[in-house]
C-alpha atoms as a PDB file:
ATOM      1  CA  MET A   1      12.071-101.515  37.524  1.00  0.00           C
ATOM      2  CA  ASP A   2       9.923-103.357  34.991  1.00  0.00           C
ATOM      3  CA  ASP A   3       8.874-107.008  35.257  1.00  0.00           C
ATOM      4  CA  HIS A   4      12.270-108.135  36.544  1.00  0.00           C
ATOM      5  CA  SER A   5      10.778-107.182  39.913  1.00  0.00           C
ATOM      6  CA  TYR A   6       8.505-110.214  39.675  1.00  0.00           C
ATOM      7  CA  ALA A   7      11.553-112.461  39.423  1.00  0.00           C
ATOM      8  CA  LEU A   8      12.939-110.882  42.584  1.00  0.00           C
ATOM      9  CA  LYS A   9       9.591-111.376  44.337  1.00  0.00           C
ATOM     10  CA  ALA A  10       9.567-115.043  43.319  1.00  0.00           C
ATOM     11  CA  THR A  11      13.140-115.458  44.584  1.00  0.00           C
ATOM     12  CA  PHE A  12      12.252-114.109  48.023  1.00  0.00           C
ATOM     13  CA  GLU A  13       9.215-116.419  48.098  1.00  0.00           C
ATOM     14  CA  ALA A  14      11.359-119.428  47.197  1.00  0.00           C
ATOM     15  CA  LEU A  15      13.437-118.625  50.290  1.00  0.00           C
ATOM     16  CA  GLY A  16      10.350-118.414  52.483  1.00  0.00           C
ATOM     17  CA  GLN A  17       9.967-114.629  52.605  1.00  0.00           C
ATOM     18  CA  LYS A  18       6.666-113.026  51.641  1.00  0.00           C
ATOM     19  CA  ALA A  19       7.200-110.319  49.010  1.00  0.00           C
ATOM     20  CA  GLU A  20       5.137-107.984  46.858  1.00  0.00           C
ATOM     21  CA  VAL A  21       5.946-105.947  43.762  1.00  0.00           C
ATOM     22  CA  MET A  22       5.083-102.290  44.215  1.00  0.00           C
ATOM     23  CA  PRO A  23       2.418-100.875  41.900  1.00  0.00           C
ATOM     24  CA  ILE A  24       3.835 -99.064  38.887  1.00  0.00           C
ATOM     25  CA  SER A  25       4.804 -95.454  39.535  1.00  0.00           C
ATOM     26  CA  ASP A  26       2.131 -92.899  38.663  1.00  0.00           C
ATOM     27  CA  ASP A  27       1.125 -89.278  39.211  1.00  0.00           C
ATOM     28  CA  GLU A  28       0.480 -89.978  42.891  1.00  0.00           C
ATOM     29  CA  SER A  29       4.024 -91.348  43.275  1.00  0.00           C
ATOM     30  CA  LEU A  30       5.412 -88.176  41.722  1.00  0.00           C
ATOM     31  CA  TYR A  31       3.240 -85.901  43.875  1.00  0.00           C
ATOM     32  CA  LEU A  32       4.175 -87.666  47.135  1.00  0.00           C
ATOM     33  CA  GLY A  33       7.862 -87.850  46.199  1.00  0.00           C
ATOM     34  CA  GLN A  34       8.015 -84.150  45.353  1.00  0.00           C
ATOM     35  CA  ARG A  35       6.440 -83.232  48.702  1.00  0.00           C
ATOM     36  CA  TYR A  36       9.474 -84.605  50.533  1.00  0.00           C
ATOM     37  CA  THR A  37      12.321 -83.834  48.133  1.00  0.00           C
ATOM     38  CA  THR A  38      13.939 -80.574  47.132  1.00  0.00           C
ATOM     39  CA  GLY A  39      14.012 -80.871  43.349  1.00  0.00           C
ATOM     40  CA  ARG A  40      17.777 -81.449  43.271  1.00  0.00           C
ATOM     41  CA  GLU A  41      17.506 -85.223  43.660  1.00  0.00           C
ATOM     42  CA  CYS A  42      17.633 -87.720  40.797  1.00  0.00           C
ATOM     43  CA  TYR A  43      14.210 -88.463  39.328  1.00  0.00           C
ATOM     44  CA  PRO A  44      14.359 -92.142  40.423  1.00  0.00           C
ATOM     45  CA  SER A  45      14.937 -90.993  44.002  1.00  0.00           C
ATOM     46  CA  VAL A  46      11.792 -88.868  43.838  1.00  0.00           C
ATOM     47  CA  LEU A  47       9.664 -91.632  42.317  1.00  0.00           C
ATOM     48  CA  THR A  48      10.871 -94.499  44.524  1.00  0.00           C
ATOM     49  CA  THR A  49      10.304 -92.316  47.587  1.00  0.00           C
ATOM     50  CA  GLY A  50       6.798 -91.531  46.353  1.00  0.00           C
ATOM     51  CA  ASP A  51       6.160 -95.220  45.693  1.00  0.00           C
ATOM     52  CA  MET A  52       7.113 -96.054  49.286  1.00  0.00           C
ATOM     53  CA  LEU A  53       4.843 -93.331  50.689  1.00  0.00           C
ATOM     54  CA  LYS A  54       2.009 -94.503  48.437  1.00  0.00           C
ATOM     55  CA  VAL A  55       2.296 -98.015  49.886  1.00  0.00           C
ATOM     56  CA  LEU A  56       2.307 -96.616  53.441  1.00  0.00           C
ATOM     57  CA  LYS A  57      -1.029 -94.884  52.764  1.00  0.00           C
ATOM     58  CA  ARG A  58      -2.639 -98.247  52.054  1.00  0.00           C
ATOM     59  CA  GLU A  59      -0.801-100.856  54.153  1.00  0.00           C
ATOM     60  CA  ASP A  60      -0.073-101.543  57.804  1.00  0.00           C
ATOM     61  CA  PRO A  61       3.416-100.117  58.521  1.00  0.00           C
ATOM     62  CA  LYS A  62       4.049-102.903  61.060  1.00  0.00           C
ATOM     63  CA  LYS A  63       3.986-105.441  58.217  1.00  0.00           C
ATOM     64  CA  ILE A  64       6.274-103.561  55.848  1.00  0.00           C
ATOM     65  CA  ALA A  65       9.941-103.706  54.931  1.00  0.00           C
ATOM     66  CA  PHE A  66      11.206-102.085  51.743  1.00  0.00           C
ATOM     67  CA  PHE A  67      13.904-103.379  49.410  1.00  0.00           C
ATOM     68  CA  MET A  68      16.184-100.774  47.860  1.00  0.00           C
ATOM     69  CA  GLY A  69      19.415-101.614  46.082  1.00  0.00           C
ATOM     70  CA  THR A  70      22.464 -99.390  46.228  1.00  0.00           C
ATOM     71  CA  ALA A  71      25.738 -98.796  44.405  1.00  0.00           C
ATOM     72  CA  GLU A  72      29.230 -97.420  44.759  1.00  0.00           C
ATOM     73  CA  GLY A  73      30.806 -94.664  42.692  1.00  0.00           C
ATOM     74  CA  PRO A  74      29.743 -91.089  41.867  1.00  0.00           C
ATOM     75  CA  CYS A  75      26.078 -91.899  41.169  1.00  0.00           C
ATOM     76  CA  ARG A  76      23.686 -90.623  43.843  1.00  0.00           C
ATOM     77  CA  PHE A  77      21.914 -93.999  43.773  1.00  0.00           C
ATOM     78  CA  GLY A  78      24.193 -94.924  46.671  1.00  0.00           C
ATOM     79  CA  GLN A  79      22.409 -92.308  48.809  1.00  0.00           C
ATOM     80  CA  TYR A  80      18.775 -93.296  48.131  1.00  0.00           C
ATOM     81  CA  LYS A  81      18.586 -95.852  50.939  1.00  0.00           C
ATOM     82  CA  LYS A  82      20.104 -93.496  53.516  1.00  0.00           C
ATOM     83  CA  PHE A  83      17.829 -90.615  52.488  1.00  0.00           C
ATOM     84  CA  GLN A  84      14.721 -92.810  52.576  1.00  0.00           C
ATOM     85  CA  GLU A  85      15.624 -94.275  55.978  1.00  0.00           C
ATOM     86  CA  ASP A  86      16.008 -90.740  57.353  1.00  0.00           C
ATOM     87  CA  LEU A  87      12.735 -89.623  55.769  1.00  0.00           C
ATOM     88  CA  LEU A  88      10.751 -92.572  57.145  1.00  0.00           C
ATOM     89  CA  ALA A  89      12.175 -91.892  60.597  1.00  0.00           C
ATOM     90  CA  ARG A  90      11.202 -88.198  60.346  1.00  0.00           C
ATOM     91  CA  LEU A  91       7.666 -89.237  59.384  1.00  0.00           C
ATOM     92  CA  GLY A  92       7.434 -91.502  62.423  1.00  0.00           C
ATOM     93  CA  TYR A  93       8.050 -94.847  60.713  1.00  0.00           C
ATOM     94  CA  HIS A  94      11.060 -95.814  62.833  1.00  0.00           C
ATOM     95  CA  GLU A  95      10.195 -99.510  62.742  1.00  0.00           C
ATOM     96  CA  ILE A  96      10.291 -99.922  58.952  1.00  0.00           C
ATOM     97  CA  PRO A  97      13.566-101.450  57.724  1.00  0.00           C
ATOM     98  CA  ILE A  98      15.013-100.917  54.268  1.00  0.00           C
ATOM     99  CA  ILE A  99      16.970-103.991  53.239  1.00  0.00           C
ATOM    100  CA  SER A 100      19.523-103.774  50.477  1.00  0.00           C
ATOM    101  CA  LEU A 101      22.174-105.293  48.256  1.00  0.00           C
ATOM    102  CA  SER A 102      25.142-103.354  46.905  1.00  0.00           C
ATOM    103  CA  SER A 103      27.143-103.199  43.701  1.00  0.00           C
ATOM    104  CA  GLU A 104      30.250-103.141  45.917  1.00  0.00           C
ATOM    105  CA  ASN A 105      30.292-106.941  45.856  1.00  0.00           C
ATOM    106  CA  SER A 106      28.208-107.190  42.658  1.00  0.00           C
ATOM    107  CA  TYR A 107      24.998-107.823  44.616  1.00  0.00           C
ATOM    108  CA  GLY A 108      26.196-111.084  46.121  1.00  0.00           C
ATOM    109  CA  GLY A 109      25.210-110.551  49.743  1.00  0.00           C
ATOM    110  CA  TYR A 110      22.356-113.051  50.146  1.00  0.00           C
ATOM    111  CA  GLY A 111      24.179-116.234  49.226  1.00  0.00           C
ATOM    112  CA  ILE A 112      24.509-118.590  46.272  1.00  0.00           C
ATOM    113  CA  LYS A 113      20.914-119.820  46.185  1.00  0.00           C
ATOM    114  CA  PHE A 114      19.484-116.307  46.129  1.00  0.00           C
ATOM    115  CA  THR A 115      21.947-115.229  43.436  1.00  0.00           C
ATOM    116  CA  LYS A 116      21.178-118.229  41.228  1.00  0.00           C
ATOM    117  CA  LEU A 117      17.396-117.884  41.430  1.00  0.00           C
ATOM    118  CA  ALA A 118      17.339-114.096  41.077  1.00  0.00           C
ATOM    119  CA  TRP A 119      19.839-114.060  38.221  1.00  0.00           C
ATOM    120  CA  SER A 120      18.007-116.822  36.336  1.00  0.00           C
ATOM    121  CA  GLY A 121      14.757-114.890  36.623  1.00  0.00           C
ATOM    122  CA  ILE A 122      16.291-111.579  35.590  1.00  0.00           C
ATOM    123  CA  CYS A 123      17.895-113.195  32.531  1.00  0.00           C
ATOM    124  CA  ALA A 124      14.711-115.008  31.537  1.00  0.00           C
ATOM    125  CA  ILE A 125      12.529-111.910  31.759  1.00  0.00           C
ATOM    126  CA  ASP A 126      15.182-109.802  30.008  1.00  0.00           C
ATOM    127  CA  ILE A 127      15.163-112.260  27.097  1.00  0.00           C
ATOM    128  CA  LEU A 128      11.365-112.533  26.952  1.00  0.00           C
ATOM    129  CA  ARG A 129      11.102-108.732  26.965  1.00  0.00           C
ATOM    130  CA  LYS A 130      13.633-108.480  24.131  1.00  0.00           C
ATOM    131  CA  VAL A 131      11.698-110.940  21.971  1.00  0.00           C
ATOM    132  CA  GLN A 132       8.450-109.165  22.789  1.00  0.00           C
ATOM    133  CA  ARG A 133       9.865-105.859  21.519  1.00  0.00           C
ATOM    134  CA  ILE A 134      11.259-107.462  18.366  1.00  0.00           C
ATOM    135  CA  ILE A 135       8.018-109.203  17.367  1.00  0.00           C
ATOM    136  CA  ARG A 136       5.266-106.871  18.608  1.00  0.00           C
ATOM    137  CA  PRO A 137       5.633-104.102  15.974  1.00  0.00           C
ATOM    138  CA  ASP A 138       5.193-106.690  13.193  1.00  0.00           C
ATOM    139  CA  GLU A 139       2.374-108.787  14.665  1.00  0.00           C
ATOM    140  CA  VAL A 140      -0.749-109.295  12.544  1.00  0.00           C
ATOM    141  CA  LYS A 141      -3.110-109.832  15.476  1.00  0.00           C
ATOM    142  CA  LYS A 142      -2.638-106.906  17.860  1.00  0.00           C
ATOM    143  CA  GLY A 143      -2.045-107.919  21.449  1.00  0.00           C
ATOM    144  CA  GLU A 144      -0.964-111.488  20.671  1.00  0.00           C
ATOM    145  CA  THR A 145       2.716-110.895  21.472  1.00  0.00           C
ATOM    146  CA  ASP A 146       1.905-109.327  24.846  1.00  0.00           C
ATOM    147  CA  LYS A 147      -0.281-112.305  25.779  1.00  0.00           C
ATOM    148  CA  VAL A 148       2.507-114.770  24.978  1.00  0.00           C
ATOM    149  CA  TYR A 149       5.004-112.668  26.896  1.00  0.00           C
ATOM    150  CA  GLU A 150       2.798-112.394  30.005  1.00  0.00           C
ATOM    151  CA  LYS A 151       2.024-116.117  29.943  1.00  0.00           C
ATOM    152  CA  TYR A 152       5.696-117.074  30.034  1.00  0.00           C
ATOM    153  CA  ARG A 153       6.705-114.300  32.429  1.00  0.00           C
ATOM    154  CA  ASP A 154       4.259-115.821  34.914  1.00  0.00           C
ATOM    155  CA  LYS A 155       5.507-119.346  34.182  1.00  0.00           C
ATOM    156  CA  VAL A 156       9.086-118.248  34.816  1.00  0.00           C
ATOM    157  CA  CYS A 157       8.146-116.725  38.174  1.00  0.00           C
ATOM    158  CA  LYS A 158       6.189-119.831  39.195  1.00  0.00           C
ATOM    159  CA  ALA A 159       9.195-122.015  38.336  1.00  0.00           C
ATOM    160  CA  ILE A 160      11.499-119.788  40.421  1.00  0.00           C
ATOM    161  CA  ARG A 161       9.170-120.027  43.421  1.00  0.00           C
ATOM    162  CA  GLU A 162       9.161-123.800  43.082  1.00  0.00           C
ATOM    163  CA  GLU A 163      12.906-123.933  42.283  1.00  0.00           C
ATOM    164  CA  LYS A 164      12.315-125.711  38.978  1.00  0.00           C
ATOM    165  CA  PRO A 165      14.486-125.349  35.835  1.00  0.00           C
ATOM    166  CA  LEU A 166      13.697-122.489  33.465  1.00  0.00           C
ATOM    167  CA  TYR A 167      15.158-123.887  30.248  1.00  0.00           C
ATOM    168  CA  PRO A 168      12.075-126.005  29.312  1.00  0.00           C
ATOM    169  CA  ILE A 169       9.852-122.951  29.818  1.00  0.00           C
ATOM    170  CA  MET A 170      12.096-120.786  27.645  1.00  0.00           C
ATOM    171  CA  ARG A 171      12.160-123.413  24.903  1.00  0.00           C
ATOM    172  CA  GLU A 172       8.356-123.587  24.992  1.00  0.00           C
ATOM    173  CA  ALA A 173       8.139-119.775  24.945  1.00  0.00           C
ATOM    174  CA  ALA A 174      10.378-119.570  21.881  1.00  0.00           C
ATOM    175  CA  GLU A 175       8.089-121.964  20.017  1.00  0.00           C
ATOM    176  CA  GLU A 176       5.005-119.897  20.838  1.00  0.00           C
ATOM    177  CA  PHE A 177       6.695-116.653  19.822  1.00  0.00           C
ATOM    178  CA  ARG A 178       7.647-118.243  16.468  1.00  0.00           C
ATOM    179  CA  LYS A 179       3.987-119.082  15.810  1.00  0.00           C
ATOM    180  CA  ILE A 180       2.935-115.433  15.949  1.00  0.00           C
ATOM    181  CA  LYS A 181       2.055-114.261  12.450  1.00  0.00           C
ATOM    182  CA  ARG A 182       4.051-111.224  11.416  1.00  0.00           C
ATOM    183  CA  ILE A 183       4.014-108.698   8.622  1.00  0.00           C
ATOM    184  CA  ASP A 184       7.399-108.915   6.952  1.00  0.00           C
ATOM    185  CA  THR A 185       8.469-105.298   7.181  1.00  0.00           C
ATOM    186  CA  LYS A 186      11.873-103.797   7.771  1.00  0.00           C
ATOM    187  CA  LYS A 187      11.237-101.183  10.379  1.00  0.00           C
ATOM    188  CA  PRO A 188      13.976 -98.865  11.635  1.00  0.00           C
ATOM    189  CA  VAL A 189      15.321 -99.686  15.092  1.00  0.00           C
ATOM    190  CA  VAL A 190      15.784 -97.186  17.919  1.00  0.00           C
ATOM    191  CA  THR A 191      17.943 -98.145  20.894  1.00  0.00           C
ATOM    192  CA  VAL A 192      16.900 -96.675  24.241  1.00  0.00           C
ATOM    193  CA  VAL A 193      19.780 -96.238  26.681  1.00  0.00           C
ATOM    194  CA  GLY A 194      20.380 -94.258  29.846  1.00  0.00           C
ATOM    195  CA  GLU A 195      19.988 -94.609  33.595  1.00  0.00           C
ATOM    196  CA  ILE A 196      18.746 -98.100  34.427  1.00  0.00           C
ATOM    197  CA  TYR A 197      15.667 -97.116  36.451  1.00  0.00           C
ATOM    198  CA  VAL A 198      14.411 -94.470  34.026  1.00  0.00           C
ATOM    199  CA  ARG A 199      14.802 -96.658  30.964  1.00  0.00           C
ATOM    200  CA  HIS A 200      13.030 -99.633  32.619  1.00  0.00           C
ATOM    201  CA  ASN A 201      10.302 -97.801  34.552  1.00  0.00           C
ATOM    202  CA  PRO A 202       7.659 -96.886  31.961  1.00  0.00           C
ATOM    203  CA  TYR A 203       6.112 -94.012  33.920  1.00  0.00           C
ATOM    204  CA  SER A 204       9.455 -92.287  34.395  1.00  0.00           C
ATOM    205  CA  ASN A 205      10.251 -92.387  30.662  1.00  0.00           C
ATOM    206  CA  LEU A 206       6.723 -91.355  29.616  1.00  0.00           C
ATOM    207  CA  PHE A 207       6.072 -94.826  28.163  1.00  0.00           C
ATOM    208  CA  ILE A 208       8.636 -94.128  25.470  1.00  0.00           C
ATOM    209  CA  ILE A 209       8.682 -97.671  24.062  1.00  0.00           C
ATOM    210  CA  ASP A 210       4.933 -97.597  23.394  1.00  0.00           C
ATOM    211  CA  GLU A 211       5.200 -94.128  21.852  1.00  0.00           C
ATOM    212  CA  LEU A 212       8.086 -95.107  19.566  1.00  0.00           C
ATOM    213  CA  GLU A 213       6.270 -98.238  18.404  1.00  0.00           C
ATOM    214  CA  LYS A 214       3.240 -96.099  17.508  1.00  0.00           C
ATOM    215  CA  LEU A 215       5.572 -94.135  15.224  1.00  0.00           C
ATOM    216  CA  GLY A 216       6.429 -97.328  13.346  1.00  0.00           C
ATOM    217  CA  VAL A 217       9.821 -98.261  14.764  1.00  0.00           C
ATOM    218  CA  LYS A 218      11.194-101.215  16.698  1.00  0.00           C
ATOM    219  CA  VAL A 219      12.789-100.513  20.037  1.00  0.00           C
ATOM    220  CA  GLU A 220      15.850-102.149  21.525  1.00  0.00           C
ATOM    221  CA  LEU A 221      16.350-101.416  25.212  1.00  0.00           C
ATOM    222  CA  ALA A 222      19.688-101.600  26.987  1.00  0.00           C
ATOM    223  CA  SER A 223      19.289-104.728  29.084  1.00  0.00           C
ATOM    224  CA  MET A 224      19.079-105.240  32.826  1.00  0.00           C
ATOM    225  CA  ARG A 225      21.811-107.896  32.500  1.00  0.00           C
ATOM    226  CA  GLU A 226      24.271-105.290  31.266  1.00  0.00           C
ATOM    227  CA  TRP A 227      24.444-103.588  34.690  1.00  0.00           C
ATOM    228  CA  PHE A 228      25.089-106.818  36.602  1.00  0.00           C
ATOM    229  CA  PHE A 229      27.892-107.890  34.276  1.00  0.00           C
ATOM    230  CA  TYR A 230      29.313-104.380  34.597  1.00  0.00           C
ATOM    231  CA  THR A 231      29.343-104.592  38.412  1.00  0.00           C
ATOM    232  CA  ASN A 232      31.061-107.980  38.137  1.00  0.00           C
ATOM    233  CA  GLU A 233      33.742-106.412  35.958  1.00  0.00           C
ATOM    234  CA  MET A 234      34.260-103.477  38.319  1.00  0.00           C
ATOM    235  CA  TYR A 235      34.435-105.789  41.352  1.00  0.00           C
ATOM    236  CA  LYS A 236      37.020-107.882  39.523  1.00  0.00           C
ATOM    237  CA  GLU A 237      39.167-104.804  38.955  1.00  0.00           C
ATOM    238  CA  THR A 238      38.807-103.662  42.573  1.00  0.00           C
ATOM    239  CA  SER A 239      39.751-107.108  43.899  1.00  0.00           C
ATOM    240  CA  LEU A 240      42.882-107.162  41.770  1.00  0.00           C
ATOM    241  CA  LYS A 241      43.845-103.633  42.733  1.00  0.00           C
ATOM    242  CA  GLU A 242      43.428-104.390  46.436  1.00  0.00           C
ATOM    243  CA  LYS A 243      45.130-107.804  46.025  1.00  0.00           C
ATOM    244  CA  LYS A 244      42.127-109.722  47.347  1.00  0.00           C
ATOM    245  CA  LEU A 245      42.844-112.920  45.458  1.00  0.00           C
ATOM    246  CA  LEU A 246      40.065-114.990  47.025  1.00  0.00           C
ATOM    247  CA  GLU A 247      37.456-112.331  46.203  1.00  0.00           C
ATOM    248  CA  PHE A 248      38.802-112.121  42.660  1.00  0.00           C
ATOM    249  CA  VAL A 249      38.483-115.900  42.186  1.00  0.00           C
ATOM    250  CA  LYS A 250      34.971-115.963  43.651  1.00  0.00           C
ATOM    251  CA  ASN A 251      33.947-113.118  41.377  1.00  0.00           C
ATOM    252  CA  ARG A 252      35.265-114.846  38.257  1.00  0.00           C
ATOM    253  CA  ILE A 253      33.543-118.105  39.170  1.00  0.00           C
ATOM    254  CA  ARG A 254      30.258-116.280  39.710  1.00  0.00           C
ATOM    255  CA  ASN A 255      30.656-114.389  36.428  1.00  0.00           C
ATOM    256  CA  LEU A 256      31.216-117.648  34.517  1.00  0.00           C
ATOM    257  CA  PHE A 257      28.224-119.148  36.262  1.00  0.00           C
ATOM    258  CA  GLN A 258      26.056-116.154  35.305  1.00  0.00           C
ATOM    259  CA  GLU A 259      27.266-116.199  31.705  1.00  0.00           C
ATOM    260  CA  HIS A 260      26.435-119.911  31.472  1.00  0.00           C
ATOM    261  CA  ILE A 261      22.880-119.337  32.741  1.00  0.00           C
ATOM    262  CA  GLU A 262      22.379-116.415  30.359  1.00  0.00           C
ATOM    263  CA  LYS A 263      23.590-118.351  27.301  1.00  0.00           C
ATOM    264  CA  GLN A 264      21.535-121.412  28.203  1.00  0.00           C
ATOM    265  CA  LEU A 265      18.299-119.440  28.608  1.00  0.00           C
ATOM    266  CA  GLU A 266      18.946-117.414  25.438  1.00  0.00           C
ATOM    267  CA  GLU A 267      19.776-120.411  23.224  1.00  0.00           C
ATOM    268  CA  PRO A 268      16.158-121.307  22.233  1.00  0.00           C
ATOM    269  CA  PHE A 269      15.704-117.777  20.839  1.00  0.00           C
ATOM    270  CA  HIS A 270      18.863-117.585  18.696  1.00  0.00           C
ATOM    271  CA  ASP A 271      16.966-117.033  15.440  1.00  0.00           C
ATOM    272  CA  LEU A 272      14.436-114.638  16.987  1.00  0.00           C
ATOM    273  CA  ILE A 273      17.039-112.273  18.418  1.00  0.00           C
ATOM    274  CA  LYS A 274      19.492-112.387  15.510  1.00  0.00           C
ATOM    275  CA  GLY A 275      21.013-108.941  15.183  1.00  0.00           C
ATOM    276  CA  PHE A 276      19.939-108.032  18.721  1.00  0.00           C
ATOM    277  CA  GLU A 277      22.426-110.171  20.653  1.00  0.00           C
ATOM    278  CA  GLU A 278      23.985-108.820  23.857  1.00  0.00           C
ATOM    279  CA  PRO A 279      27.597-107.685  23.313  1.00  0.00           C
ATOM    280  CA  PRO A 280      30.173-108.851  25.920  1.00  0.00           C
ATOM    281  CA  ILE A 281      30.589-106.379  28.763  1.00  0.00           C
ATOM    282  CA  GLU A 282      34.332-106.025  28.030  1.00  0.00           C
ATOM    283  CA  GLU A 283      33.457-104.853  24.513  1.00  0.00           C
ATOM    284  CA  ILE A 284      30.898-102.353  25.828  1.00  0.00           C
ATOM    285  CA  ILE A 285      33.388-100.879  28.291  1.00  0.00           C
ATOM    286  CA  SER A 286      36.168-100.689  25.703  1.00  0.00           C
ATOM    287  CA  PHE A 287      33.912 -98.726  23.344  1.00  0.00           C
ATOM    288  CA  GLY A 288      32.810 -96.438  26.170  1.00  0.00           C
ATOM    289  CA  GLU A 289      36.430 -95.798  27.135  1.00  0.00           C
ATOM    290  CA  LYS A 290      36.887 -93.897  23.904  1.00  0.00           C
ATOM    291  CA  TYR A 291      34.827 -91.150  25.544  1.00  0.00           C
ATOM    292  CA  LEU A 292      35.077 -91.656  29.315  1.00  0.00           C
ATOM    293  CA  HIS A 293      37.678 -93.255  31.596  1.00  0.00           C
ATOM    294  CA  ARG A 294      36.560 -96.517  33.176  1.00  0.00           C
ATOM    295  CA  SER A 295      37.643 -95.342  36.640  1.00  0.00           C
ATOM    296  CA  LEU A 296      34.563 -93.094  36.726  1.00  0.00           C
ATOM    297  CA  ARG A 297      32.153 -95.758  37.867  1.00  0.00           C
ATOM    298  CA  GLY A 298      28.514 -95.883  36.879  1.00  0.00           C
ATOM    299  CA  GLU A 299      26.316 -96.143  33.826  1.00  0.00           C
ATOM    300  CA  ALA A 300      27.678 -93.226  31.830  1.00  0.00           C
ATOM    301  CA  ILE A 301      30.365 -95.356  30.185  1.00  0.00           C
ATOM    302  CA  LEU A 302      27.769 -97.988  29.252  1.00  0.00           C
ATOM    303  CA  SER A 303      25.475 -95.451  27.591  1.00  0.00           C
ATOM    304  CA  LEU A 304      28.327 -93.746  25.736  1.00  0.00           C
ATOM    305  CA  SER A 305      29.523 -97.058  24.327  1.00  0.00           C
ATOM    306  CA  LEU A 306      26.321 -97.317  22.275  1.00  0.00           C
ATOM    307  CA  ILE A 307      27.530 -94.367  20.208  1.00  0.00           C
ATOM    308  CA  HIS A 308      30.282 -96.639  18.923  1.00  0.00           C
ATOM    309  CA  ILE A 309      28.375 -99.933  18.805  1.00  0.00           C
END
């Protein structure tokens, strides 16, 4: 799911676990995924299955474990891992594990250190991506914005691997982005929302951001951070409902901690992202509730809220 995967890779490496980011989905992924699905599955299920099978064609199965997140609620995302485990077993790959984290506890299953490093990386790349999309349509020298973005994406991942602070890198990145010469034009802005995998995986959305920019518009993309803050909010509500006071307190502490990291990493870019700031998750949910009850878990309420925002 976009370059946030590199932050996750770096986090695993910081904890001593070798990790690789899968190649971007392509026609081969789609072909392989469709061979072993019925056509009734979600598109991300088809593509991620195809991506796994594509890797197995090229790598030693004895050296492979896959990472696949999961979620609670009505979304079929919660069934991907089970389906893929069954499929791998049917194909003879009984020894390949699929490790996971769940939205049930807002993806907190690997401990504080993992959460801190992964969250810091996800926030940093989310912010760098946002600035890239804001500046790129107006750049004078084509390709300059992408080069700055890629330079600091790689610096962020290196810092995560080495467990070094990200704020100095983000401050340096902001300065380089400001130096990019831009044509002062007021382009219309299109916000891309929807299911988190499809909107962040360029193959699955037919490279919609590139296509929209060719038409002369700027693109704002619903962030990766939005989903994690949403799962925090849902876990908070579940803890209160089930009277799990300790879990509620831990959740609120973690949420404050994540908000602090986000605000700190975003601060150097305040002028660059003016008008594109992330709304608080409570505000997003309250807008979405005008159209859909919050008890129906999943991303639908987040997407609908953009109608109001």
